Amino acid sequence: MRFTSVGHGGRYQPRNIGAVWIETASGEFVKTIYQRILQLRAETELALGDRFDRLAFNDFLLDQGLLTPDQLAIAVREELVPARRPDTGEDG
C-alpha cells in the first residue's frame, strides 16, 4: 500500500494537503479522500451560511489529527458547526 499526498499550493503549504490518494503495492488506485473533504466543506458552508470561515474550517480539520473521513465528518457536525452557530457558540 502506498499513501501519496500533493500540496494544495496555498499559503499554508506544506501543512495543508490538496489531494490524497492511496494505491496498492502494484500501483492500483484504491481511493482518494479529497472529494470527501470537499463534500464536508460544502455541507458545513450550507449549515453555517455567512458564518462559515474557510480558515477556521481548515484549522479545525488539521487539529483533529488522524481520523477516518467518517470520524472527521462527525467531529465537524458535532463540534465545529454547533460552536459557530450564533445561537449556540462563539462569535466568528
N, C-alpha and C. Protein backbone atom coordinates (compact mmCIF):
# COMPACT_ATOMS: atom_id res chain seq x y z
N MET A 1 0.84 -1.16 0.00
CA MET A 1 0.00 0.00 0.00
C MET A 1 0.89 1.24 0.00
N ARG A 2 0.56 2.20 -0.80
CA ARG A 2 1.31 3.45 -0.85
C ARG A 2 0.36 4.61 -0.63
N PHE A 3 0.76 5.54 0.20
CA PHE A 3 -0.02 6.73 0.52
C PHE A 3 0.72 7.93 -0.06
N THR A 4 0.04 8.72 -0.90
CA THR A 4 0.67 9.86 -1.56
C THR A 4 -0.19 11.09 -1.34
N SER A 5 0.46 12.23 -1.13
CA SER A 5 -0.29 13.48 -0.99
C SER A 5 0.37 14.55 -1.86
N VAL A 6 -0.42 15.53 -2.21
CA VAL A 6 0.06 16.65 -3.02
C VAL A 6 -0.33 17.93 -2.32
N GLY A 7 0.61 18.86 -2.17
CA GLY A 7 0.30 20.14 -1.56
C GLY A 7 -0.65 20.94 -2.41
N HIS A 8 -1.51 21.69 -1.75
CA HIS A 8 -2.52 22.48 -2.44
C HIS A 8 -1.90 23.73 -3.07
N GLY A 9 -0.74 24.15 -2.60
CA GLY A 9 -0.09 25.34 -3.14
C GLY A 9 -0.56 26.62 -2.47
N GLY A 10 -1.35 26.49 -1.43
CA GLY A 10 -1.87 27.66 -0.73
C GLY A 10 -0.89 28.21 0.27
N ARG A 11 -1.34 29.23 0.96
CA ARG A 11 -0.45 29.92 1.89
C ARG A 11 -0.05 29.05 3.07
N TYR A 12 -0.76 27.96 3.30
CA TYR A 12 -0.46 27.09 4.44
C TYR A 12 0.38 25.88 4.05
N GLN A 13 0.79 25.79 2.82
CA GLN A 13 1.60 24.65 2.41
C GLN A 13 2.90 24.65 3.20
N PRO A 14 3.46 23.55 3.64
CA PRO A 14 3.06 22.20 3.31
C PRO A 14 2.08 21.56 4.29
N ARG A 15 1.58 22.29 5.29
CA ARG A 15 0.65 21.70 6.26
C ARG A 15 -0.62 21.19 5.60
N ASN A 16 -1.23 22.02 4.76
CA ASN A 16 -2.47 21.61 4.11
C ASN A 16 -2.18 20.67 2.97
N ILE A 17 -3.06 19.72 2.78
CA ILE A 17 -2.92 18.76 1.70
C ILE A 17 -4.06 18.99 0.72
N GLY A 18 -3.71 19.15 -0.56
CA GLY A 18 -4.72 19.39 -1.58
C GLY A 18 -5.36 18.12 -2.09
N ALA A 19 -4.64 17.03 -2.09
CA ALA A 19 -5.19 15.76 -2.57
C ALA A 19 -4.44 14.61 -1.91
N VAL A 20 -5.16 13.56 -1.66
CA VAL A 20 -4.57 12.34 -1.09
C VAL A 20 -5.13 11.17 -1.88
N TRP A 21 -4.27 10.28 -2.31
CA TRP A 21 -4.74 9.06 -2.94
C TRP A 21 -3.95 7.89 -2.41
N ILE A 22 -4.58 6.73 -2.46
CA ILE A 22 -3.99 5.52 -1.91
C ILE A 22 -3.93 4.48 -3.02
N GLU A 23 -2.77 3.83 -3.14
CA GLU A 23 -2.56 2.79 -4.14
C GLU A 23 -2.07 1.52 -3.46
N THR A 24 -2.31 0.40 -4.12
CA THR A 24 -1.74 -0.87 -3.67
C THR A 24 -0.26 -0.88 -4.04
N ALA A 25 0.46 -1.88 -3.57
CA ALA A 25 1.88 -2.00 -3.88
C ALA A 25 2.13 -2.10 -5.38
N SER A 26 1.16 -2.62 -6.13
CA SER A 26 1.33 -2.75 -7.59
C SER A 26 0.93 -1.48 -8.34
N GLY A 27 0.53 -0.44 -7.61
CA GLY A 27 0.18 0.83 -8.23
C GLY A 27 -1.29 0.97 -8.60
N GLU A 28 -2.12 0.03 -8.18
CA GLU A 28 -3.55 0.10 -8.48
C GLU A 28 -4.22 1.12 -7.56
N PHE A 29 -4.97 2.05 -8.14
CA PHE A 29 -5.65 3.09 -7.38
C PHE A 29 -6.69 2.47 -6.45
N VAL A 30 -6.71 2.91 -5.19
CA VAL A 30 -7.69 2.41 -4.23
C VAL A 30 -8.75 3.47 -3.97
N LYS A 31 -8.34 4.65 -3.51
CA LYS A 31 -9.33 5.70 -3.23
C LYS A 31 -8.64 7.03 -2.98
N THR A 32 -9.44 8.08 -2.95
CA THR A 32 -8.96 9.41 -2.60
C THR A 32 -9.90 9.99 -1.54
N ILE A 33 -9.36 10.79 -0.65
CA ILE A 33 -10.23 11.40 0.37
C ILE A 33 -10.48 12.88 0.08
N TYR A 34 -9.85 13.42 -0.94
CA TYR A 34 -10.02 14.84 -1.25
C TYR A 34 -11.49 15.17 -1.53
N GLN A 35 -12.17 14.34 -2.30
CA GLN A 35 -13.58 14.59 -2.61
C GLN A 35 -14.43 14.58 -1.35
N ARG A 36 -14.12 13.70 -0.41
CA ARG A 36 -14.89 13.64 0.84
C ARG A 36 -14.74 14.94 1.62
N ILE A 37 -13.53 15.51 1.61
CA ILE A 37 -13.31 16.77 2.32
C ILE A 37 -14.07 17.90 1.64
N LEU A 38 -14.09 17.91 0.31
CA LEU A 38 -14.86 18.94 -0.41
C LEU A 38 -16.35 18.82 -0.10
N GLN A 39 -16.86 17.60 -0.03
CA GLN A 39 -18.27 17.40 0.30
C GLN A 39 -18.57 17.88 1.72
N LEU A 40 -17.67 17.58 2.65
CA LEU A 40 -17.85 18.02 4.03
C LEU A 40 -17.79 19.54 4.13
N ARG A 41 -16.91 20.16 3.38
CA ARG A 41 -16.82 21.62 3.37
C ARG A 41 -18.12 22.23 2.84
N ALA A 42 -18.65 21.69 1.75
CA ALA A 42 -19.91 22.20 1.18
C ALA A 42 -21.05 22.05 2.17
N GLU A 43 -21.11 20.91 2.84
CA GLU A 43 -22.15 20.67 3.85
C GLU A 43 -22.02 21.69 4.99
N THR A 44 -20.80 21.95 5.42
CA THR A 44 -20.57 22.90 6.51
C THR A 44 -20.90 24.32 6.08
N GLU A 45 -20.57 24.69 4.86
CA GLU A 45 -20.92 26.02 4.34
C GLU A 45 -22.44 26.20 4.33
N LEU A 46 -23.17 25.18 3.92
CA LEU A 46 -24.63 25.27 3.91
C LEU A 46 -25.18 25.40 5.33
N ALA A 47 -24.61 24.65 6.25
CA ALA A 47 -25.10 24.68 7.63
C ALA A 47 -24.83 26.02 8.31
N LEU A 48 -23.70 26.67 7.97
CA LEU A 48 -23.31 27.89 8.67
C LEU A 48 -23.62 29.17 7.90
N GLY A 49 -23.84 29.07 6.61
CA GLY A 49 -24.13 30.26 5.82
C GLY A 49 -23.01 31.28 5.91
N ASP A 50 -23.36 32.53 6.23
CA ASP A 50 -22.39 33.62 6.31
C ASP A 50 -21.38 33.43 7.44
N ARG A 51 -21.66 32.57 8.37
CA ARG A 51 -20.74 32.35 9.49
C ARG A 51 -19.64 31.33 9.17
N PHE A 52 -19.70 30.75 7.96
CA PHE A 52 -18.65 29.81 7.55
C PHE A 52 -17.34 30.57 7.36
N ASP A 53 -16.28 30.04 7.94
CA ASP A 53 -14.94 30.63 7.83
C ASP A 53 -14.01 29.53 7.32
N ARG A 54 -13.53 29.71 6.09
CA ARG A 54 -12.70 28.70 5.45
C ARG A 54 -11.45 28.37 6.26
N LEU A 55 -10.78 29.39 6.77
CA LEU A 55 -9.56 29.14 7.54
C LEU A 55 -9.86 28.42 8.85
N ALA A 56 -10.95 28.79 9.52
CA ALA A 56 -11.33 28.10 10.75
C ALA A 56 -11.68 26.64 10.45
N PHE A 57 -12.36 26.39 9.32
CA PHE A 57 -12.70 25.03 8.91
C PHE A 57 -11.42 24.22 8.69
N ASN A 58 -10.49 24.78 7.92
CA ASN A 58 -9.22 24.08 7.64
C ASN A 58 -8.44 23.80 8.92
N ASP A 59 -8.35 24.81 9.79
CA ASP A 59 -7.63 24.63 11.05
C ASP A 59 -8.28 23.55 11.90
N PHE A 60 -9.63 23.53 11.94
CA PHE A 60 -10.34 22.52 12.71
C PHE A 60 -10.00 21.12 12.19
N LEU A 61 -10.02 20.95 10.85
CA LEU A 61 -9.70 19.64 10.28
C LEU A 61 -8.29 19.21 10.67
N LEU A 62 -7.34 20.11 10.56
CA LEU A 62 -5.95 19.77 10.89
C LEU A 62 -5.77 19.47 12.36
N ASP A 63 -6.50 20.19 13.21
CA ASP A 63 -6.39 19.97 14.65
C ASP A 63 -6.93 18.61 15.09
N GLN A 64 -7.74 17.96 14.26
CA GLN A 64 -8.33 16.67 14.63
C GLN A 64 -7.33 15.53 14.57
N GLY A 65 -6.22 15.73 13.88
CA GLY A 65 -5.24 14.65 13.76
C GLY A 65 -5.69 13.59 12.79
N LEU A 66 -5.25 12.37 13.01
CA LEU A 66 -5.55 11.28 12.08
C LEU A 66 -6.89 10.64 12.42
N LEU A 67 -7.90 11.03 11.66
CA LEU A 67 -9.23 10.45 11.79
C LEU A 67 -9.66 9.91 10.44
N THR A 68 -10.55 8.94 10.44
CA THR A 68 -11.13 8.49 9.19
C THR A 68 -12.04 9.60 8.67
N PRO A 69 -12.36 9.61 7.38
CA PRO A 69 -13.28 10.62 6.86
C PRO A 69 -14.62 10.64 7.59
N ASP A 70 -15.13 9.47 7.97
CA ASP A 70 -16.40 9.43 8.70
C ASP A 70 -16.27 10.07 10.09
N GLN A 71 -15.17 9.79 10.78
CA GLN A 71 -14.95 10.39 12.10
C GLN A 71 -14.78 11.90 11.99
N LEU A 72 -14.11 12.34 10.95
CA LEU A 72 -13.91 13.76 10.72
C LEU A 72 -15.25 14.46 10.49
N ALA A 73 -16.11 13.84 9.71
CA ALA A 73 -17.44 14.41 9.45
C ALA A 73 -18.24 14.53 10.75
N ILE A 74 -18.16 13.52 11.60
CA ILE A 74 -18.87 13.56 12.89
C ILE A 74 -18.33 14.71 13.74
N ALA A 75 -17.01 14.87 13.79
CA ALA A 75 -16.42 15.95 14.58
C ALA A 75 -16.87 17.31 14.08
N VAL A 76 -16.92 17.49 12.76
CA VAL A 76 -17.36 18.77 12.20
C VAL A 76 -18.82 19.02 12.57
N ARG A 77 -19.66 18.01 12.38
CA ARG A 77 -21.10 18.18 12.65
C ARG A 77 -21.41 18.37 14.13
N GLU A 78 -20.65 17.71 15.01
CA GLU A 78 -20.97 17.75 16.43
C GLU A 78 -20.20 18.81 17.21
N GLU A 79 -19.08 19.30 16.67
CA GLU A 79 -18.28 20.28 17.40
C GLU A 79 -18.17 21.62 16.68
N LEU A 80 -17.68 21.61 15.45
CA LEU A 80 -17.44 22.87 14.74
C LEU A 80 -18.73 23.62 14.42
N VAL A 81 -19.67 22.94 13.80
CA VAL A 81 -20.91 23.61 13.38
C VAL A 81 -21.67 24.18 14.59
N PRO A 82 -21.93 23.40 15.64
CA PRO A 82 -22.64 23.99 16.79
C PRO A 82 -21.88 25.15 17.44
N ALA A 83 -20.56 25.08 17.47
CA ALA A 83 -19.77 26.13 18.11
C ALA A 83 -19.82 27.44 17.33
N ARG A 84 -20.05 27.37 16.03
CA ARG A 84 -20.04 28.58 15.21
C ARG A 84 -21.42 29.12 14.90
N ARG A 85 -22.45 28.44 15.34
CA ARG A 85 -23.82 28.96 15.14
C ARG A 85 -24.04 30.09 16.12
N PRO A 86 -24.70 31.16 15.67
CA PRO A 86 -24.84 32.35 16.52
C PRO A 86 -25.63 32.11 17.80
N ASP A 87 -26.57 31.18 17.78
CA ASP A 87 -27.39 30.95 18.96
C ASP A 87 -26.78 29.98 19.96
N THR A 88 -25.66 29.32 19.58
CA THR A 88 -25.13 28.30 20.48
C THR A 88 -23.63 28.43 20.77
N GLY A 89 -22.92 29.27 20.02
CA GLY A 89 -21.47 29.24 20.19
C GLY A 89 -20.81 30.56 20.09
N GLU A 90 -19.52 30.49 19.80
CA GLU A 90 -18.69 31.68 19.78
C GLU A 90 -18.99 32.57 18.58
N ASP A 91 -18.60 33.78 18.65
CA ASP A 91 -18.84 34.73 17.58
C ASP A 91 -17.64 34.77 16.67
N GLY A 92 -17.87 34.35 15.37
CA GLY A 92 -16.90 34.44 14.30
C GLY A 92 -15.55 34.06 14.65
